[in-house]
PDB file of N, CA and C in Angstrom:
ATOM      1  N   UNK A   1      11.834  55.190 173.947  1.00  0.00           N
ATOM      2  CA  UNK A   1      13.192  55.118 172.880  1.00  0.00           C
ATOM      3  C   UNK A   1      13.784  56.801 172.925  1.00  0.00           C
ATOM      4  N   UNK A   2      14.654  57.219 172.261  1.00  0.00           N
ATOM      5  CA  UNK A   2      15.395  57.917 172.616  1.00  0.00           C
ATOM      6  C   UNK A   2      14.869  58.607 171.370  1.00  0.00           C
ATOM      7  N   UNK A   3      15.263  60.350 171.424  1.00  0.00           N
ATOM      8  CA  UNK A   3      14.179  60.707 169.726  1.00  0.00           C
ATOM      9  C   UNK A   3      15.462  60.694 169.273  1.00  0.00           C
ATOM     10  N   UNK A   4      15.996  60.617 167.867  1.00  0.00           N
ATOM     11  CA  UNK A   4      17.042  60.898 166.751  1.00  0.00           C
ATOM     12  C   UNK A   4      17.415  62.013 166.826  1.00  0.00           C
ATOM     13  N   UNK A   5      18.278  61.870 166.854  1.00  0.00           N
ATOM     14  CA  UNK A   5      18.965  63.875 167.034  1.00  0.00           C
ATOM     15  C   UNK A   5      18.743  63.969 165.115  1.00  0.00           C
ATOM     16  N   UNK A   6      17.922  65.273 165.033  1.00  0.00           N
ATOM     17  CA  UNK A   6      17.538  65.914 163.757  1.00  0.00           C
ATOM     18  C   UNK A   6      19.220  66.328 163.272  1.00  0.00           C
ATOM     19  N   UNK A   7      19.491  66.117 162.205  1.00  0.00           N
ATOM     20  CA  UNK A   7      20.838  67.282 161.452  1.00  0.00           C
ATOM     21  C   UNK A   7      20.746  68.052 160.721  1.00  0.00           C
ATOM     22  N   UNK A   8      21.259  69.415 161.740  1.00  0.00           N
ATOM     23  CA  UNK A   8      21.202  70.443 161.305  1.00  0.00           C
ATOM     24  C   UNK A   8      21.749  70.458 159.676  1.00  0.00           C
ATOM     25  N   UNK A   9      21.653  71.578 159.000  1.00  0.00           N
ATOM     26  CA  UNK A   9      22.278  72.169 157.849  1.00  0.00           C
ATOM     27  C   UNK A   9      22.762  73.181 158.581  1.00  0.00           C
ATOM     28  N   UNK A  10      24.099  73.116 158.247  1.00  0.00           N
ATOM     29  CA  UNK A  10      24.605  74.265 158.506  1.00  0.00           C
ATOM     30  C   UNK A  10      24.219  76.313 157.749  1.00  0.00           C
ATOM     31  N   UNK A  11      24.872  77.177 158.051  1.00  0.00           N
ATOM     32  CA  UNK A  11      24.138  78.043 157.504  1.00  0.00           C
ATOM     33  C   UNK A  11      25.032  78.192 156.096  1.00  0.00           C
ATOM     34  N   UNK A  12      24.553  78.558 155.112  1.00  0.00           N
ATOM     35  CA  UNK A  12      24.690  78.949 154.057  1.00  0.00           C
ATOM     36  C   UNK A  12      26.439  79.580 154.216  1.00  0.00           C
ATOM     37  N   UNK A  13      27.711  79.695 153.859  1.00  0.00           N
ATOM     38  CA  UNK A  13      28.382  80.627 153.949  1.00  0.00           C
ATOM     39  C   UNK A  13      28.379  82.270 152.521  1.00  0.00           C
ATOM     40  N   UNK A  14      28.489  83.172 153.689  1.00  0.00           N
ATOM     41  CA  UNK A  14      28.556  84.294 152.915  1.00  0.00           C
ATOM     42  C   UNK A  14      29.456  83.712 151.710  1.00  0.00           C
ATOM     43  N   UNK A  15      28.451  84.728 150.814  1.00  0.00           N
ATOM     44  CA  UNK A  15      28.679  84.451 149.176  1.00  0.00           C
ATOM     45  C   UNK A  15      30.117  85.168 148.971  1.00  0.00           C
ATOM     46  N   UNK A  16      31.138  84.614 148.035  1.00  0.00           N
ATOM     47  CA  UNK A  16      32.795  85.569 148.194  1.00  0.00           C
ATOM     48  C   UNK A  16      32.379  86.519 147.326  1.00  0.00           C
ATOM     49  N   UNK A  17      31.458  86.531 146.334  1.00  0.00           N
ATOM     50  CA  UNK A  17      31.336  87.513 145.441  1.00  0.00           C
ATOM     51  C   UNK A  17      29.451  88.200 145.070  1.00  0.00           C
ATOM     52  N   UNK A  18      28.999  89.087 144.810  1.00  0.00           N
ATOM     53  CA  UNK A  18      28.545  89.955 143.968  1.00  0.00           C
ATOM     54  C   UNK A  18      28.308  89.680 142.968  1.00  0.00           C
ATOM     55  N   UNK A  19      27.303  89.810 142.134  1.00  0.00           N
ATOM     56  CA  UNK A  19      27.065  90.099 140.525  1.00  0.00           C
ATOM     57  C   UNK A  19      26.376  91.930 140.477  1.00  0.00           C
ATOM     58  N   UNK A  20      26.932  92.396 138.915  1.00  0.00           N
ATOM     59  CA  UNK A  20      26.493  93.809 139.037  1.00  0.00           C
ATOM     60  C   UNK A  20      24.626  93.287 139.235  1.00  0.00           C
ATOM     61  N   UNK A  21      24.064  92.566 138.747  1.00  0.00           N
ATOM     62  CA  UNK A  21      22.648  92.818 139.130  1.00  0.00           C
ATOM     63  C   UNK A  21      22.636  92.522 140.463  1.00  0.00           C
ATOM     64  N   UNK A  22      23.002  91.505 141.210  1.00  0.00           N
ATOM     65  CA  UNK A  22      22.972  91.553 142.706  1.00  0.00           C
ATOM     66  C   UNK A  22      23.124  92.825 143.185  1.00  0.00           C
ATOM     67  N   UNK A  23      24.308  93.482 142.921  1.00  0.00           N
ATOM     68  CA  UNK A  23      24.331  94.825 143.821  1.00  0.00           C
ATOM     69  C   UNK A  23      23.688  96.146 143.640  1.00  0.00           C
ATOM     70  N   UNK A  24      22.811  95.908 141.617  1.00  0.00           N
ATOM     71  CA  UNK A  24      21.594  96.742 141.643  1.00  0.00           C
ATOM     72  C   UNK A  24      20.581  97.209 142.301  1.00  0.00           C
ATOM     73  N   UNK A  25      20.291  95.550 142.570  1.00  0.00           N
ATOM     74  CA  UNK A  25      18.987  94.859 142.873  1.00  0.00           C
ATOM     75  C   UNK A  25      19.211  95.351 144.542  1.00  0.00           C
ATOM     76  N   UNK A  26      20.314  94.826 145.381  1.00  0.00           N
ATOM     77  CA  UNK A  26      20.123  94.903 146.761  1.00  0.00           C
ATOM     78  C   UNK A  26      19.701  96.838 146.657  1.00  0.00           C
ATOM     79  N   UNK A  27      21.054  97.711 146.120  1.00  0.00           N
ATOM     80  CA  UNK A  27      20.926  99.146 145.764  1.00  0.00           C
ATOM     81  C   UNK A  27      19.721  99.883 145.573  1.00  0.00           C
ATOM     82  N   UNK A  28      19.383  99.290 144.573  1.00  0.00           N
ATOM     83  CA  UNK A  28      17.774  99.698 144.535  1.00  0.00           C
ATOM     84  C   UNK A  28      16.805  99.283 145.678  1.00  0.00           C
ATOM     85  N   UNK A  29      16.579  98.526 146.242  1.00  0.00           N
ATOM     86  CA  UNK A  29      15.342  97.710 147.335  1.00  0.00           C
ATOM     87  C   UNK A  29      16.389  98.902 148.388  1.00  0.00           C
ATOM     88  N   UNK A  30      17.349  99.634 149.129  1.00  0.00           N
ATOM     89  CA  UNK A  30      17.389 100.203 149.584  1.00  0.00           C
ATOM     90  C   UNK A  30      16.922 102.019 149.724  1.00  0.00           C
ATOM     91  N   UNK A  31      16.778 102.224 148.226  1.00  0.00           N
ATOM     92  CA  UNK A  31      16.800 103.221 147.587  1.00  0.00           C
ATOM     93  C   UNK A  31      15.201 103.518 147.841  1.00  0.00           C
ATOM     94  N   UNK A  32      14.847 102.476 146.586  1.00  0.00           N
ATOM     95  CA  UNK A  32      13.512 102.625 146.567  1.00  0.00           C
ATOM     96  C   UNK A  32      12.448 102.437 147.557  1.00  0.00           C
ATOM     97  N   UNK A  33      12.884 102.386 149.230  1.00  0.00           N
ATOM     98  CA  UNK A  33      12.713 102.955 150.325  1.00  0.00           C
ATOM     99  C   UNK A  33      12.090 104.188 150.588  1.00  0.00           C
ATOM    100  N   UNK A  34      12.488 105.166 149.700  1.00  0.00           N
ATOM    101  CA  UNK A  34      12.037 106.903 149.365  1.00  0.00           C
ATOM    102  C   UNK A  34      10.876 106.721 148.930  1.00  0.00           C
ATOM    103  N   UNK A  35      10.365 105.987 147.992  1.00  0.00           N
ATOM    104  CA  UNK A  35       9.300 105.917 147.309  1.00  0.00           C
ATOM    105  C   UNK A  35       8.040 105.536 148.286  1.00  0.00           C
ATOM    106  N   UNK A  36       7.832 107.055 148.922  1.00  0.00           N
ATOM    107  CA  UNK A  36       6.798 106.660 149.878  1.00  0.00           C
ATOM    108  C   UNK A  36       5.280 106.517 149.419  1.00  0.00           C
ATOM    109  N   UNK A  37       4.443 107.128 147.740  1.00  0.00           N
ATOM    110  CA  UNK A  37       3.155 107.166 147.328  1.00  0.00           C
ATOM    111  C   UNK A  37       3.304 105.694 146.398  1.00  0.00           C
ATOM    112  N   UNK A  38       5.092 105.176 145.935  1.00  0.00           N
ATOM    113  CA  UNK A  38       4.277 103.541 145.765  1.00  0.00           C
ATOM    114  C   UNK A  38       4.692 103.195 144.517  1.00  0.00           C
ATOM    115  N   UNK A  39       4.923 105.119 143.886  1.00  0.00           N
ATOM    116  CA  UNK A  39       4.438 105.091 142.344  1.00  0.00           C
ATOM    117  C   UNK A  39       5.700 104.099 141.254  1.00  0.00           C
ATOM    118  N   UNK A  40       6.882 103.728 141.735  1.00  0.00           N
ATOM    119  CA  UNK A  40       7.275 103.365 141.030  1.00  0.00           C
ATOM    120  C   UNK A  40       9.018 104.412 140.785  1.00  0.00           C
ATOM    121  N   UNK A  41       8.604 105.680 141.397  1.00  0.00           N
ATOM    122  CA  UNK A  41       9.765 106.695 141.215  1.00  0.00           C
ATOM    123  C   UNK A  41      10.040 107.954 142.410  1.00  0.00           C
ATOM    124  N   UNK A  42      11.159 108.071 142.364  1.00  0.00           N
ATOM    125  CA  UNK A  42      11.375 109.227 143.732  1.00  0.00           C
ATOM    126  C   UNK A  42      11.347 110.766 143.314  1.00  0.00           C
ATOM    127  N   UNK A  43      10.390 111.550 144.026  1.00  0.00           N
ATOM    128  CA  UNK A  43      10.300 112.543 144.169  1.00  0.00           C
ATOM    129  C   UNK A  43      11.469 113.784 144.662  1.00  0.00           C
ATOM    130  N   UNK A  44      11.334 114.490 143.981  1.00  0.00           N
ATOM    131  CA  UNK A  44      12.412 115.427 144.897  1.00  0.00           C
ATOM    132  C   UNK A  44      12.487 115.611 146.371  1.00  0.00           C
ATOM    133  N   UNK A  45      10.533 115.870 146.584  1.00  0.00           N
ATOM    134  CA  UNK A  45      10.248 115.879 147.793  1.00  0.00           C
ATOM    135  C   UNK A  45       9.729 114.195 148.827  1.00  0.00           C
ATOM    136  N   UNK A  46      10.238 113.569 147.974  1.00  0.00           N
ATOM    137  CA  UNK A  46       9.864 111.912 148.938  1.00  0.00           C
ATOM    138  C   UNK A  46      11.590 111.716 148.957  1.00  0.00           C
ATOM    139  N   UNK A  47      12.580 112.105 147.904  1.00  0.00           N
ATOM    140  CA  UNK A  47      13.997 112.143 148.040  1.00  0.00           C
ATOM    141  C   UNK A  47      14.874 112.933 150.063  1.00  0.00           C
ATOM    142  N   UNK A  48      14.008 114.244 149.306  1.00  0.00           N
ATOM    143  CA  UNK A  48      14.341 114.761 150.818  1.00  0.00           C
ATOM    144  C   UNK A  48      14.221 114.482 152.137  1.00  0.00           C
ATOM    145  N   UNK A  49      12.698 113.781 152.179  1.00  0.00           N
ATOM    146  CA  UNK A  49      12.080 113.471 153.570  1.00  0.00           C
ATOM    147  C   UNK A  49      13.261 111.903 153.464  1.00  0.00           C
ATOM    148  N   UNK A  50      12.974 110.956 152.714  1.00  0.00           N
ATOM    149  CA  UNK A  50      14.019 109.906 153.112  1.00  0.00           C
ATOM    150  C   UNK A  50      15.392 110.855 153.583  1.00  0.00           C
ATOM    151  N   UNK A  51      16.427 110.909 153.051  1.00  0.00           N
ATOM    152  CA  UNK A  51      17.471 111.696 153.560  1.00  0.00           C
ATOM    153  C   UNK A  51      17.795 112.543 154.729  1.00  0.00           C
ATOM    154  N   UNK A  52      16.458 113.098 154.887  1.00  0.00           N
ATOM    155  CA  UNK A  52      16.169 113.788 156.679  1.00  0.00           C
ATOM    156  C   UNK A  52      15.871 112.149 157.509  1.00  0.00           C
ATOM    157  N   UNK A  53      15.183 111.446 157.210  1.00  0.00           N
ATOM    158  CA  UNK A  53      15.125 110.440 157.520  1.00  0.00           C
ATOM    159  C   UNK A  53      15.741 109.228 157.925  1.00  0.00           C
ATOM    160  N   UNK A  54      17.210 109.771 157.113  1.00  0.00           N
ATOM    161  CA  UNK A  54      18.308 108.681 157.551  1.00  0.00           C
ATOM    162  C   UNK A  54      19.289 109.326 158.341  1.00  0.00           C
ATOM    163  N   UNK A  55      19.519 110.371 158.542  1.00  0.00           N
ATOM    164  CA  UNK A  55      20.145 112.213 158.856  1.00  0.00           C
ATOM    165  C   UNK A  55      21.617 111.361 157.624  1.00  0.00           C
ATOM    166  N   UNK A  56      21.286 112.038 156.528  1.00  0.00           N
ATOM    167  CA  UNK A  56      22.591 112.532 155.475  1.00  0.00           C
ATOM    168  C   UNK A  56      23.188 113.431 156.098  1.00  0.00           C
ATOM    169  N   UNK A  57      24.507 113.605 155.339  1.00  0.00           N
ATOM    170  CA  UNK A  57      25.047 114.911 155.727  1.00  0.00           C
ATOM    171  C   UNK A  57      25.106 115.785 154.535  1.00  0.00           C
ATOM    172  N   UNK A  58      24.934 114.911 153.155  1.00  0.00           N
ATOM    173  CA  UNK A  58      24.997 115.240 152.268  1.00  0.00           C
ATOM    174  C   UNK A  58      23.553 116.749 152.285  1.00  0.00           C
ATOM    175  N   UNK A  59      24.142 117.244 151.045  1.00  0.00           N
ATOM    176  CA  UNK A  59      22.985 118.004 150.617  1.00  0.00           C
ATOM    177  C   UNK A  59      21.558 116.935 149.562  1.00  0.00           C
ATOM    178  N   UNK A  60      20.583 117.231 150.254  1.00  0.00           N
ATOM    179  CA  UNK A  60      19.427 116.344 149.495  1.00  0.00           C
ATOM    180  C   UNK A  60      19.207 116.448 147.708  1.00  0.00           C
ATOM    181  N   UNK A  61      18.887 118.506 147.641  1.00  0.00           N
ATOM    182  CA  UNK A  61      19.390 118.432 146.188  1.00  0.00           C
ATOM    183  C   UNK A  61      20.165 118.271 145.836  1.00  0.00           C
ATOM    184  N   UNK A  62      21.736 118.690 145.922  1.00  0.00           N
ATOM    185  CA  UNK A  62      22.336 118.081 144.752  1.00  0.00           C
ATOM    186  C   UNK A  62      22.357 116.090 144.694  1.00  0.00           C
ATOM    187  N   UNK A  63      22.567 116.029 145.939  1.00  0.00           N
ATOM    188  CA  UNK A  63      22.387 114.216 145.411  1.00  0.00           C
ATOM    189  C   UNK A  63      21.661 113.606 144.337  1.00  0.00           C
ATOM    190  N   UNK A  64      20.264 114.347 144.418  1.00  0.00           N
ATOM    191  CA  UNK A  64      18.820 113.963 143.965  1.00  0.00           C
ATOM    192  C   UNK A  64      19.359 114.571 141.968  1.00  0.00           C
ATOM    193  N   UNK A  65      19.942 115.757 142.290  1.00  0.00           N
ATOM    194  CA  UNK A  65      20.552 116.221 140.717  1.00  0.00           C
ATOM    195  C   UNK A  65      21.059 115.358 139.946  1.00  0.00           C
ATOM    196  N   UNK A  66      22.381 114.972 141.277  1.00  0.00           N
ATOM    197  CA  UNK A  66      23.058 113.613 140.516  1.00  0.00           C
ATOM    198  C   UNK A  66      22.485 112.207 139.934  1.00  0.00           C
ATOM    199  N   UNK A  67      21.181 112.200 140.259  1.00  0.00           N
ATOM    200  CA  UNK A  67      20.754 110.981 139.991  1.00  0.00           C
ATOM    201  C   UNK A  67      19.616 111.020 139.000  1.00  0.00           C
ATOM    202  N   UNK A  68      18.689 111.817 138.973  1.00  0.00           N
ATOM    203  CA  UNK A  68      18.037 112.592 138.162  1.00  0.00           C
ATOM    204  C   UNK A  68      18.180 112.911 136.748  1.00  0.00           C
ATOM    205  N   UNK A  69      19.341 112.348 136.294  1.00  0.00           N
ATOM    206  CA  UNK A  69      20.357 112.116 135.307  1.00  0.00           C
ATOM    207  C   UNK A  69      18.952 112.883 134.012  1.00  0.00           C
ATOM    208  N   UNK A  70      18.028 112.354 133.890  1.00  0.00           N
ATOM    209  CA  UNK A  70      17.273 113.107 132.831  1.00  0.00           C
ATOM    210  C   UNK A  70      16.275 114.179 132.865  1.00  0.00           C
ATOM    211  N   UNK A  71      16.765 114.256 134.496  1.00  0.00           N
ATOM    212  CA  UNK A  71      15.950 116.226 134.206  1.00  0.00           C
ATOM    213  C   UNK A  71      14.859 116.209 134.486  1.00  0.00           C
ATOM    214  N   UNK A  72      13.899 115.116 134.630  1.00  0.00           N
ATOM    215  CA  UNK A  72      12.495 115.045 134.677  1.00  0.00           C
ATOM    216  C   UNK A  72      11.157 114.852 136.329  1.00  0.00           C
ATOM    217  N   UNK A  73      12.640 115.314 137.156  1.00  0.00           N
ATOM    218  CA  UNK A  73      12.125 115.360 138.271  1.00  0.00           C
ATOM    219  C   UNK A  73      11.338 114.400 139.390  1.00  0.00           C
ATOM    220  N   UNK A  74      12.338 113.413 138.452  1.00  0.00           N
ATOM    221  CA  UNK A  74      12.010 112.008 139.490  1.00  0.00           C
ATOM    222  C   UNK A  74      13.319 111.091 139.254  1.00  0.00           C
ATOM    223  N   UNK A  75      13.291 110.207 140.205  1.00  0.00           N
ATOM    224  CA  UNK A  75      14.596 109.002 140.339  1.00  0.00           C
ATOM    225  C   UNK A  75      13.487 108.195 140.220  1.00  0.00           C
ATOM    226  N   UNK A  76      14.493 107.274 138.909  1.00  0.00           N
ATOM    227  CA  UNK A  76      13.681 105.537 138.203  1.00  0.00           C
ATOM    228  C   UNK A  76      14.261 104.560 138.252  1.00  0.00           C
ATOM    229  N   UNK A  77      13.925 103.470 138.024  1.00  0.00           N
ATOM    230  CA  UNK A  77      14.999 102.551 138.043  1.00  0.00           C
ATOM    231  C   UNK A  77      16.020 103.023 137.036  1.00  0.00           C
ATOM    232  N   UNK A  78      15.772 102.885 135.863  1.00  0.00           N
ATOM    233  CA  UNK A  78      16.778 102.969 135.195  1.00  0.00           C
ATOM    234  C   UNK A  78      17.978 103.951 135.543  1.00  0.00           C
ATOM    235  N   UNK A  79      17.599 105.078 136.184  1.00  0.00           N
ATOM    236  CA  UNK A  79      18.731 105.978 136.812  1.00  0.00           C
ATOM    237  C   UNK A  79      19.536 105.087 137.766  1.00  0.00           C
ATOM    238  N   UNK A  80      18.899 104.522 138.080  1.00  0.00           N
ATOM    239  CA  UNK A  80      19.546 104.145 139.894  1.00  0.00           C
ATOM    240  C   UNK A  80      20.296 102.939 139.164  1.00  0.00           C
ATOM    241  N   UNK A  81      19.999 102.495 138.479  1.00  0.00           N
ATOM    242  CA  UNK A  81      20.760 100.912 137.384  1.00  0.00           C
ATOM    243  C   UNK A  81      21.878 101.839 137.031  1.00  0.00           C
ATOM    244  N   UNK A  82      21.722 103.062 136.407  1.00  0.00           N
ATOM    245  CA  UNK A  82      23.042 103.051 135.823  1.00  0.00           C
ATOM    246  C   UNK A  82      23.829 104.082 136.695  1.00  0.00           C
ATOM    247  N   UNK A  83      23.207 104.787 137.897  1.00  0.00           N
ATOM    248  CA  UNK A  83      24.091 105.019 138.833  1.00  0.00           C
ATOM    249  C   UNK A  83      24.897 103.418 139.306  1.00  0.00           C
ATOM    250  N   UNK A  84      24.597 102.528 139.956  1.00  0.00           N
ATOM    251  CA  UNK A  84      25.134 102.178 140.677  1.00  0.00           C
ATOM    252  C   UNK A  84      25.854 100.280 139.681  1.00  0.00           C
ATOM    253  N   UNK A  85      25.847 101.117 138.252  1.00  0.00           N
ATOM    254  CA  UNK A  85      27.025  99.877 137.278  1.00  0.00           C
ATOM    255  C   UNK A  85      27.639 100.896 137.503  1.00  0.00           C
ATOM    256  N   UNK A  86      27.992 102.086 137.504  1.00  0.00           N
ATOM    257  CA  UNK A  86      29.521 103.112 137.255  1.00  0.00           C
ATOM    258  C   UNK A  86      29.626 102.993 138.734  1.00  0.00           C
ATOM    259  N   UNK A  87      28.943 102.574 140.119  1.00  0.00           N
ATOM    260  CA  UNK A  87      29.556 102.710 141.202  1.00  0.00           C
ATOM    261  C   UNK A  87      30.444 101.160 141.071  1.00  0.00           C
ATOM    262  N   UNK A  88      29.183 100.636 141.257  1.00  0.00           N
ATOM    263  CA  UNK A  88      29.664  98.512 140.807  1.00  0.00           C
ATOM    264  C   UNK A  88      30.872  99.213 140.011  1.00  0.00           C
ATOM    265  N   UNK A  89      31.451  99.809 138.768  1.00  0.00           N
ATOM    266  CA  UNK A  89      32.811  99.786 138.017  1.00  0.00           C
ATOM    267  C   UNK A  89      33.899 100.147 138.705  1.00  0.00           C
ATOM    268  N   UNK A  90      33.739 101.175 139.323  1.00  0.00           N
ATOM    269  CA  UNK A  90      35.056 102.117 140.516  1.00  0.00           C
ATOM    270  C   UNK A  90      35.365 100.740 141.249  1.00  0.00           C
ATOM    271  N   UNK A  91      34.230 100.415 142.036  1.00  0.00           N
ATOM    272  CA  UNK A  91      34.567  99.298 143.088  1.00  0.00           C
ATOM    273  C   UNK A  91      35.523  97.883 143.025  1.00  0.00           C
ATOM    274  N   UNK A  92      34.795  97.495 141.674  1.00  0.00           N
ATOM    275  CA  UNK A  92      35.815  95.903 140.991  1.00  0.00           C
ATOM    276  C   UNK A  92      36.853  96.066 140.448  1.00  0.00           C
ATOM    277  N   UNK A  93      38.078  96.602 141.284  1.00  0.00           N
ATOM    278  CA  UNK A  93      39.054  96.723 141.455  1.00  0.00           C
ATOM    279  C   UNK A  93      39.903  96.013 140.030  1.00  0.00           C
ATOM    280  N   UNK A  94      39.739  94.995 140.060  1.00  0.00           N
ATOM    281  CA  UNK A  94      40.215  93.659 139.310  1.00  0.00           C
ATOM    282  C   UNK A  94      39.366  92.958 137.999  1.00  0.00           C
ATOM    283  N   UNK A  95      38.256  94.399 137.650  1.00  0.00           N
ATOM    284  CA  UNK A  95      37.820  93.780 136.817  1.00  0.00           C
ATOM    285  C   UNK A  95      37.130  92.825 136.283  1.00  0.00           C
ATOM    286  N   UNK A  96      36.698  92.090 137.213  1.00  0.00           N
ATOM    287  CA  UNK A  96      36.354  90.362 137.088  1.00  0.00           C
ATOM    288  C   UNK A  96      34.910  90.621 136.828  1.00  0.00           C
ATOM    289  N   UNK A  97      34.175  91.696 136.933  1.00  0.00           N
ATOM    290  CA  UNK A  97      32.344  91.413 137.024  1.00  0.00           C
ATOM    291  C   UNK A  97      31.974  90.736 137.821  1.00  0.00           C
ATOM    292  N   UNK A  98      32.831  90.947 139.135  1.00  0.00           N
ATOM    293  CA  UNK A  98      32.228  90.548 140.464  1.00  0.00           C
ATOM    294  C   UNK A  98      32.597  91.272 141.521  1.00  0.00           C
ATOM    295  N   UNK A  99      32.340  91.438 142.769  1.00  0.00           N
ATOM    296  CA  UNK A  99      32.678  92.697 143.948  1.00  0.00           C
ATOM    297  C   UNK A  99      33.147  91.183 144.860  1.00  0.00           C
ATOM    298  N   UNK A 100      33.934  91.382 144.763  1.00  0.00           N
ATOM    299  CA  UNK A 100      34.823  90.457 146.034  1.00  0.00           C
ATOM    300  C   UNK A 100      34.326  91.144 147.306  1.00  0.00           C
ATOM    301  N   UNK A 101      34.660  90.618 148.306  1.00  0.00           N
ATOM    302  CA  UNK A 101      34.515  90.505 149.975  1.00  0.00           C
ATOM    303  C   UNK A 101      35.100  92.047 150.081  1.00  0.00           C
ATOM    304  N   UNK A 102      36.175  91.567 148.824  1.00  0.00           N
ATOM    305  CA  UNK A 102      37.543  92.903 149.511  1.00  0.00           C
ATOM    306  C   UNK A 102      36.992  94.182 149.143  1.00  0.00           C
ATOM    307  N   UNK A 103      36.839  93.899 147.811  1.00  0.00           N
ATOM    308  CA  UNK A 103      35.892  95.092 147.251  1.00  0.00           C
ATOM    309  C   UNK A 103      34.756  95.866 147.960  1.00  0.00           C
ATOM    310  N   UNK A 104      34.404  94.909 148.729  1.00  0.00           N
ATOM    311  CA  UNK A 104      33.195  95.952 149.105  1.00  0.00           C
ATOM    312  C   UNK A 104      33.522  96.039 150.641  1.00  0.00           C
ATOM    313  N   UNK A 105      34.337  96.331 151.034  1.00  0.00           N
ATOM    314  CA  UNK A 105      35.280  96.444 152.570  1.00  0.00           C
ATOM    315  C   UNK A 105      34.861  98.052 152.165  1.00  0.00           C
ATOM    316  N   UNK A 106      34.777  98.695 151.505  1.00  0.00           N
ATOM    317  CA  UNK A 106      34.894  99.885 151.675  1.00  0.00           C
ATOM    318  C   UNK A 106      33.273 100.807 152.120  1.00  0.00           C
ATOM    319  N   UNK A 107      33.089 100.041 150.656  1.00  0.00           N
ATOM    320  CA  UNK A 107      31.190 100.214 150.506  1.00  0.00           C
ATOM    321  C   UNK A 107      30.519 100.616 151.798  1.00  0.00           C
ATOM    322  N   UNK A 108      30.083 100.951 151.597  1.00  0.00           N
ATOM    323  CA  UNK A 108      28.739 100.973 152.915  1.00  0.00           C
ATOM    324  C   UNK A 108      27.764 100.062 152.388  1.00  0.00           C
ATOM    325  N   UNK A 109      26.953  99.466 153.879  1.00  0.00           N
ATOM    326  CA  UNK A 109      26.089  98.559 152.935  1.00  0.00           C
ATOM    327  C   UNK A 109      24.637  99.303 153.387  1.00  0.00           C
ATOM    328  N   UNK A 110      24.823 100.077 153.605  1.00  0.00           N
ATOM    329  CA  UNK A 110      23.337 101.378 152.603  1.00  0.00           C
ATOM    330  C   UNK A 110      23.385 102.343 151.607  1.00  0.00           C
ATOM    331  N   UNK A 111      22.554 102.390 150.773  1.00  0.00           N
ATOM    332  CA  UNK A 111      22.540 103.387 149.612  1.00  0.00           C
ATOM    333  C   UNK A 111      23.109 104.810 150.266  1.00  0.00           C
ATOM    334  N   UNK A 112      24.062 105.138 149.574  1.00  0.00           N
ATOM    335  CA  UNK A 112      24.336 106.477 149.833  1.00  0.00           C
ATOM    336  C   UNK A 112      24.324 106.646 148.622  1.00  0.00           C
ATOM    337  N   UNK A 113      23.389 107.248 147.432  1.00  0.00           N
ATOM    338  CA  UNK A 113      23.733 107.827 145.954  1.00  0.00           C
ATOM    339  C   UNK A 113      24.281 109.200 145.888  1.00  0.00           C
ATOM    340  N   UNK A 114      24.722 109.724 146.731  1.00  0.00           N
ATOM    341  CA  UNK A 114      25.185 111.038 147.524  1.00  0.00           C
ATOM    342  C   UNK A 114      26.713 111.089 147.363  1.00  0.00           C
ATOM    343  N   UNK A 115      27.246 109.529 147.385  1.00  0.00           N
ATOM    344  CA  UNK A 115      28.653 109.565 147.278  1.00  0.00           C
ATOM    345  C   UNK A 115      29.330 109.819 146.168  1.00  0.00           C
TER     346      UNK A 115
END
């Protein structure tokens, strides 16, 4: 008897848009790779090493200073969330609270907080 063909589930279509929470989570996951000691925050040294590894063209000290809004010498989740909320608001051209594929088209897939 011939084997019964298995029904295959087509891949899920790419979401048409993402929420602020999804945007923040994606960006935070990428940026927190800089936290080499796993303490939940990024030091200036960790940030500089991370930026060098990524071959960024921006000055790590300047981008670090822009993200370290409380000037405690570390970038933490709250600072990243605030930064990415501002970026999300700028990208959300139609102000509907989600980013459509078209709105993301100019946004790099990797986190570049120095932009």
